[in-house]
């Protein structure tokens, strides 16, 4: 299957799923939805070049399980913080230096960070992901490092060494 056909199929699947979610699966919405999905597909090809998708099936499965587990644990943590009167929160911004190479992995990293309770990917500036965290005293950077490793496994990317690695303790 050619790269263009596969890319078009994946993009179409994303736009169809998005339309279905936004319209709660209403069958009647597809009179407008089908042309909208087609227009979105055409615009996406005009704006974004065709790319070769390199997701690794086992990596995707491991990432999905990791994401579900993290979502559940984080949701319980955020709910328990909100339910306590003293609300042990220390919100703030965390700057995380990405080791993922530029591309789809960084986009996924930024978006998934926003889906996990307690964090919001606020900005992506070059190699730095700025995250708004509910509690900056929590192990936010460790969580982001684990997330980045899972995404790298999923997309088959090699991670650059961390800034602290290779300095030789200087």
C-alpha atoms as a PDB file:
ATOM      1  CA  UNK A   1       0.000   0.000   0.000  1.00  0.00           C
ATOM      2  CA  UNK A   2       1.439   3.378  -0.944  1.00  0.00           C
ATOM      3  CA  UNK A   3       2.434   5.926   1.686  1.00  0.00           C
ATOM      4  CA  UNK A   4      -0.163   8.439   0.414  1.00  0.00           C
ATOM      5  CA  UNK A   5      -3.001   5.913   0.620  1.00  0.00           C
ATOM      6  CA  UNK A   6      -2.022   4.807   4.116  1.00  0.00           C
ATOM      7  CA  UNK A   7      -1.623   8.425   5.264  1.00  0.00           C
ATOM      8  CA  UNK A   8      -5.021   9.344   3.775  1.00  0.00           C
ATOM      9  CA  UNK A   9      -6.650   6.335   5.465  1.00  0.00           C
ATOM     10  CA  UNK A  10      -5.170   7.210   8.866  1.00  0.00           C
ATOM     11  CA  UNK A  11      -6.090  10.889   8.573  1.00  0.00           C
ATOM     12  CA  UNK A  12      -9.607   9.986   7.429  1.00  0.00           C
ATOM     13  CA  UNK A  13     -10.038   7.621  10.368  1.00  0.00           C
ATOM     14  CA  UNK A  14      -9.045  10.395  12.776  1.00  0.00           C
ATOM     15  CA  UNK A  15     -11.442  12.917  11.183  1.00  0.00           C
ATOM     16  CA  UNK A  16     -14.307  10.390  11.083  1.00  0.00           C
ATOM     17  CA  UNK A  17     -13.760   9.501  14.752  1.00  0.00           C
ATOM     18  CA  UNK A  18     -13.608  13.179  15.694  1.00  0.00           C
ATOM     19  CA  UNK A  19     -16.846  13.934  13.841  1.00  0.00           C
ATOM     20  CA  UNK A  20     -18.574  10.932  15.444  1.00  0.00           C
ATOM     21  CA  UNK A  21     -17.513  12.013  18.942  1.00  0.00           C
ATOM     22  CA  UNK A  22     -18.495  15.648  18.404  1.00  0.00           C
ATOM     23  CA  UNK A  23     -21.917  14.623  17.104  1.00  0.00           C
ATOM     24  CA  UNK A  24     -22.503  11.800  19.579  1.00  0.00           C
ATOM     25  CA  UNK A  25     -22.769   9.245  16.789  1.00  0.00           C
ATOM     26  CA  UNK A  26     -25.911  10.804  15.290  1.00  0.00           C
ATOM     27  CA  UNK A  27     -26.445   9.181  11.884  1.00  0.00           C
ATOM     28  CA  UNK A  28     -28.192  12.280  10.515  1.00  0.00           C
ATOM     29  CA  UNK A  29     -25.079  14.379  11.155  1.00  0.00           C
ATOM     30  CA  UNK A  30     -23.216  12.596   8.357  1.00  0.00           C
ATOM     31  CA  UNK A  31     -25.050  14.613   5.672  1.00  0.00           C
ATOM     32  CA  UNK A  32     -22.815  17.463   6.759  1.00  0.00           C
ATOM     33  CA  UNK A  33     -20.119  15.231   8.268  1.00  0.00           C
ATOM     34  CA  UNK A  34     -19.062  13.423   5.075  1.00  0.00           C
ATOM     35  CA  UNK A  35     -18.263  16.622   3.143  1.00  0.00           C
ATOM     36  CA  UNK A  36     -16.657  18.114   6.261  1.00  0.00           C
ATOM     37  CA  UNK A  37     -14.387  15.085   6.705  1.00  0.00           C
ATOM     38  CA  UNK A  38     -13.456  15.218   3.016  1.00  0.00           C
ATOM     39  CA  UNK A  39     -12.681  18.945   3.263  1.00  0.00           C
ATOM     40  CA  UNK A  40     -10.616  18.366   6.430  1.00  0.00           C
ATOM     41  CA  UNK A  41      -8.685  15.627   4.636  1.00  0.00           C
ATOM     42  CA  UNK A  42      -7.938  17.888   1.653  1.00  0.00           C
ATOM     43  CA  UNK A  43      -6.896  20.791   3.883  1.00  0.00           C
ATOM     44  CA  UNK A  44      -4.687  18.492   5.959  1.00  0.00           C
ATOM     45  CA  UNK A  45      -2.808  17.408   2.835  1.00  0.00           C
ATOM     46  CA  UNK A  46      -2.447  21.038   1.743  1.00  0.00           C
ATOM     47  CA  UNK A  47      -1.031  22.012   5.153  1.00  0.00           C
ATOM     48  CA  UNK A  48       0.862  18.872   6.242  1.00  0.00           C
ATOM     49  CA  UNK A  49       3.075  16.829   3.940  1.00  0.00           C
ATOM     50  CA  UNK A  50       2.483  13.129   3.408  1.00  0.00           C
ATOM     51  CA  UNK A  51       4.388  11.179   5.987  1.00  0.00           C
ATOM     52  CA  UNK A  52       5.399   7.643   6.598  1.00  0.00           C
ATOM     53  CA  UNK A  53       3.774   6.502   9.819  1.00  0.00           C
ATOM     54  CA  UNK A  54       6.050   4.404  11.933  1.00  0.00           C
ATOM     55  CA  UNK A  55       4.016   3.232  14.882  1.00  0.00           C
ATOM     56  CA  UNK A  56       5.127  -0.062  16.342  1.00  0.00           C
ATOM     57  CA  UNK A  57       2.107  -2.264  17.197  1.00  0.00           C
ATOM     58  CA  UNK A  58       3.625  -3.671  20.396  1.00  0.00           C
ATOM     59  CA  UNK A  59       4.724  -0.170  21.424  1.00  0.00           C
ATOM     60  CA  UNK A  60       1.188   1.128  20.807  1.00  0.00           C
ATOM     61  CA  UNK A  61      -0.252  -1.647  22.993  1.00  0.00           C
ATOM     62  CA  UNK A  62       2.246  -0.966  25.781  1.00  0.00           C
ATOM     63  CA  UNK A  63       1.527   2.767  25.530  1.00  0.00           C
ATOM     64  CA  UNK A  64      -2.245   2.231  25.659  1.00  0.00           C
ATOM     65  CA  UNK A  65      -1.947   0.104  28.801  1.00  0.00           C
ATOM     66  CA  UNK A  66       0.444   2.626  30.383  1.00  0.00           C
ATOM     67  CA  UNK A  67      -1.866   5.524  29.496  1.00  0.00           C
ATOM     68  CA  UNK A  68      -4.959   3.809  30.929  1.00  0.00           C
ATOM     69  CA  UNK A  69      -3.119   2.963  34.156  1.00  0.00           C
ATOM     70  CA  UNK A  70      -1.711   6.501  34.505  1.00  0.00           C
ATOM     71  CA  UNK A  71      -5.096   8.065  33.752  1.00  0.00           C
ATOM     72  CA  UNK A  72      -6.804   5.996  36.441  1.00  0.00           C
ATOM     73  CA  UNK A  73      -4.157   6.585  39.111  1.00  0.00           C
ATOM     74  CA  UNK A  74      -3.867  10.301  38.294  1.00  0.00           C
ATOM     75  CA  UNK A  75      -7.639  10.766  38.301  1.00  0.00           C
ATOM     76  CA  UNK A  76      -7.907   9.220  41.750  1.00  0.00           C
ATOM     77  CA  UNK A  77      -5.048  11.424  42.985  1.00  0.00           C
ATOM     78  CA  UNK A  78      -6.605  14.630  41.624  1.00  0.00           C
ATOM     79  CA  UNK A  79     -10.044  13.708  42.986  1.00  0.00           C
ATOM     80  CA  UNK A  80      -8.619  12.990  46.451  1.00  0.00           C
ATOM     81  CA  UNK A  81      -6.782  16.339  46.460  1.00  0.00           C
ATOM     82  CA  UNK A  82      -9.939  18.190  45.509  1.00  0.00           C
ATOM     83  CA  UNK A  83     -12.032  16.410  48.147  1.00  0.00           C
ATOM     84  CA  UNK A  84      -9.667  17.320  50.997  1.00  0.00           C
ATOM     85  CA  UNK A  85     -10.318  20.707  52.595  1.00  0.00           C
ATOM     86  CA  UNK A  86      -6.628  21.664  52.749  1.00  0.00           C
ATOM     87  CA  UNK A  87      -6.214  20.864  49.010  1.00  0.00           C
ATOM     88  CA  UNK A  88      -2.473  20.061  48.950  1.00  0.00           C
ATOM     89  CA  UNK A  89      -1.765  21.771  45.656  1.00  0.00           C
ATOM     90  CA  UNK A  90       1.148  23.857  44.510  1.00  0.00           C
ATOM     91  CA  UNK A  91       0.297  24.800  40.920  1.00  0.00           C
ATOM     92  CA  UNK A  92       2.942  26.135  38.603  1.00  0.00           C
ATOM     93  CA  UNK A  93       4.781  25.775  35.333  1.00  0.00           C
ATOM     94  CA  UNK A  94       7.393  23.092  34.704  1.00  0.00           C
ATOM     95  CA  UNK A  95       9.806  23.307  31.773  1.00  0.00           C
ATOM     96  CA  UNK A  96      10.783  19.876  30.498  1.00  0.00           C
ATOM     97  CA  UNK A  97      13.587  19.478  27.946  1.00  0.00           C
ATOM     98  CA  UNK A  98      12.433  16.956  25.369  1.00  0.00           C
ATOM     99  CA  UNK A  99      14.683  14.150  24.210  1.00  0.00           C
ATOM    100  CA  UNK A 100      12.297  13.068  21.443  1.00  0.00           C
ATOM    101  CA  UNK A 101      13.363  14.178  17.968  1.00  0.00           C
ATOM    102  CA  UNK A 102      11.160  16.795  16.254  1.00  0.00           C
ATOM    103  CA  UNK A 103       8.060  15.269  14.692  1.00  0.00           C
ATOM    104  CA  UNK A 104       4.987  13.275  15.609  1.00  0.00           C
ATOM    105  CA  UNK A 105       6.439  12.039  18.917  1.00  0.00           C
ATOM    106  CA  UNK A 106       6.673  15.572  20.288  1.00  0.00           C
ATOM    107  CA  UNK A 107       3.135  16.371  19.167  1.00  0.00           C
ATOM    108  CA  UNK A 108       1.833  13.226  20.864  1.00  0.00           C
ATOM    109  CA  UNK A 109       3.834  14.092  24.000  1.00  0.00           C
ATOM    110  CA  UNK A 110       2.321  17.569  24.218  1.00  0.00           C
ATOM    111  CA  UNK A 111      -1.221  16.320  23.621  1.00  0.00           C
ATOM    112  CA  UNK A 112      -1.067  13.299  25.932  1.00  0.00           C
ATOM    113  CA  UNK A 113       0.385  15.447  28.718  1.00  0.00           C
ATOM    114  CA  UNK A 114      -2.824  17.472  28.520  1.00  0.00           C
ATOM    115  CA  UNK A 115      -4.954  14.332  28.792  1.00  0.00           C
ATOM    116  CA  UNK A 116      -3.387  13.133  32.027  1.00  0.00           C
ATOM    117  CA  UNK A 117      -5.039  14.575  35.150  1.00  0.00           C
ATOM    118  CA  UNK A 118      -2.967  17.171  36.969  1.00  0.00           C
ATOM    119  CA  UNK A 119      -0.961  18.323  33.947  1.00  0.00           C
ATOM    120  CA  UNK A 120      -1.578  20.462  30.898  1.00  0.00           C
ATOM    121  CA  UNK A 121       0.834  20.840  28.016  1.00  0.00           C
ATOM    122  CA  UNK A 122       0.847  24.651  27.812  1.00  0.00           C
ATOM    123  CA  UNK A 123       3.506  25.351  25.188  1.00  0.00           C
ATOM    124  CA  UNK A 124       6.030  23.616  22.977  1.00  0.00           C
ATOM    125  CA  UNK A 125       9.073  25.815  22.320  1.00  0.00           C
ATOM    126  CA  UNK A 126      11.725  24.017  20.322  1.00  0.00           C
ATOM    127  CA  UNK A 127      13.118  21.325  22.623  1.00  0.00           C
ATOM    128  CA  UNK A 128      11.152  22.507  25.677  1.00  0.00           C
ATOM    129  CA  UNK A 129       7.661  21.400  26.662  1.00  0.00           C
ATOM    130  CA  UNK A 130       6.087  23.811  29.152  1.00  0.00           C
ATOM    131  CA  UNK A 131       3.635  22.010  31.428  1.00  0.00           C
ATOM    132  CA  UNK A 132       1.137  23.552  33.818  1.00  0.00           C
ATOM    133  CA  UNK A 133       1.071  21.205  36.827  1.00  0.00           C
ATOM    134  CA  UNK A 134      -1.319  21.075  39.771  1.00  0.00           C
ATOM    135  CA  UNK A 135       1.554  20.236  42.091  1.00  0.00           C
ATOM    136  CA  UNK A 136       5.088  21.202  41.083  1.00  0.00           C
ATOM    137  CA  UNK A 137       6.420  19.420  44.174  1.00  0.00           C
ATOM    138  CA  UNK A 138       5.190  16.100  42.767  1.00  0.00           C
ATOM    139  CA  UNK A 139       7.511  14.074  40.554  1.00  0.00           C
ATOM    140  CA  UNK A 140       6.295  15.847  37.391  1.00  0.00           C
ATOM    141  CA  UNK A 141       9.615  15.588  35.551  1.00  0.00           C
ATOM    142  CA  UNK A 142       9.930  11.871  36.360  1.00  0.00           C
ATOM    143  CA  UNK A 143       6.388  11.303  35.064  1.00  0.00           C
ATOM    144  CA  UNK A 144       7.175  13.264  31.880  1.00  0.00           C
ATOM    145  CA  UNK A 145      10.387  11.264  31.380  1.00  0.00           C
ATOM    146  CA  UNK A 146       8.452   7.978  31.666  1.00  0.00           C
ATOM    147  CA  UNK A 147       5.793   9.269  29.279  1.00  0.00           C
ATOM    148  CA  UNK A 148       8.454  10.344  26.785  1.00  0.00           C
ATOM    149  CA  UNK A 149      10.086   6.891  26.932  1.00  0.00           C
ATOM    150  CA  UNK A 150       6.737   5.210  26.245  1.00  0.00           C
ATOM    151  CA  UNK A 151       6.046   7.498  23.299  1.00  0.00           C
ATOM    152  CA  UNK A 152       9.531   6.863  21.887  1.00  0.00           C
ATOM    153  CA  UNK A 153       8.845   3.110  22.130  1.00  0.00           C
ATOM    154  CA  UNK A 154       5.518   3.575  20.353  1.00  0.00           C
ATOM    155  CA  UNK A 155       6.839   5.657  17.434  1.00  0.00           C
ATOM    156  CA  UNK A 156      10.210   3.920  17.186  1.00  0.00           C
ATOM    157  CA  UNK A 157      12.240   7.037  18.015  1.00  0.00           C
ATOM    158  CA  UNK A 158      15.629   7.189  19.660  1.00  0.00           C
ATOM    159  CA  UNK A 159      15.858   9.557  22.596  1.00  0.00           C
ATOM    160  CA  UNK A 160      18.676  12.070  22.820  1.00  0.00           C
ATOM    161  CA  UNK A 161      20.726  11.866  26.008  1.00  0.00           C
ATOM    162  CA  UNK A 162      19.337  13.976  28.854  1.00  0.00           C
ATOM    163  CA  UNK A 163      21.132  17.287  29.430  1.00  0.00           C
ATOM    164  CA  UNK A 164      22.486  15.964  32.752  1.00  0.00           C
ATOM    165  CA  UNK A 165      23.934  12.881  31.026  1.00  0.00           C
ATOM    166  CA  UNK A 166      27.234  13.358  29.317  1.00  0.00           C
ATOM    167  CA  UNK A 167      28.315  16.344  31.409  1.00  0.00           C
ATOM    168  CA  UNK A 168      30.731  14.179  33.311  1.00  0.00           C
ATOM    169  CA  UNK A 169      29.589  15.527  36.690  1.00  0.00           C
ATOM    170  CA  UNK A 170      30.809  19.032  35.950  1.00  0.00           C
END
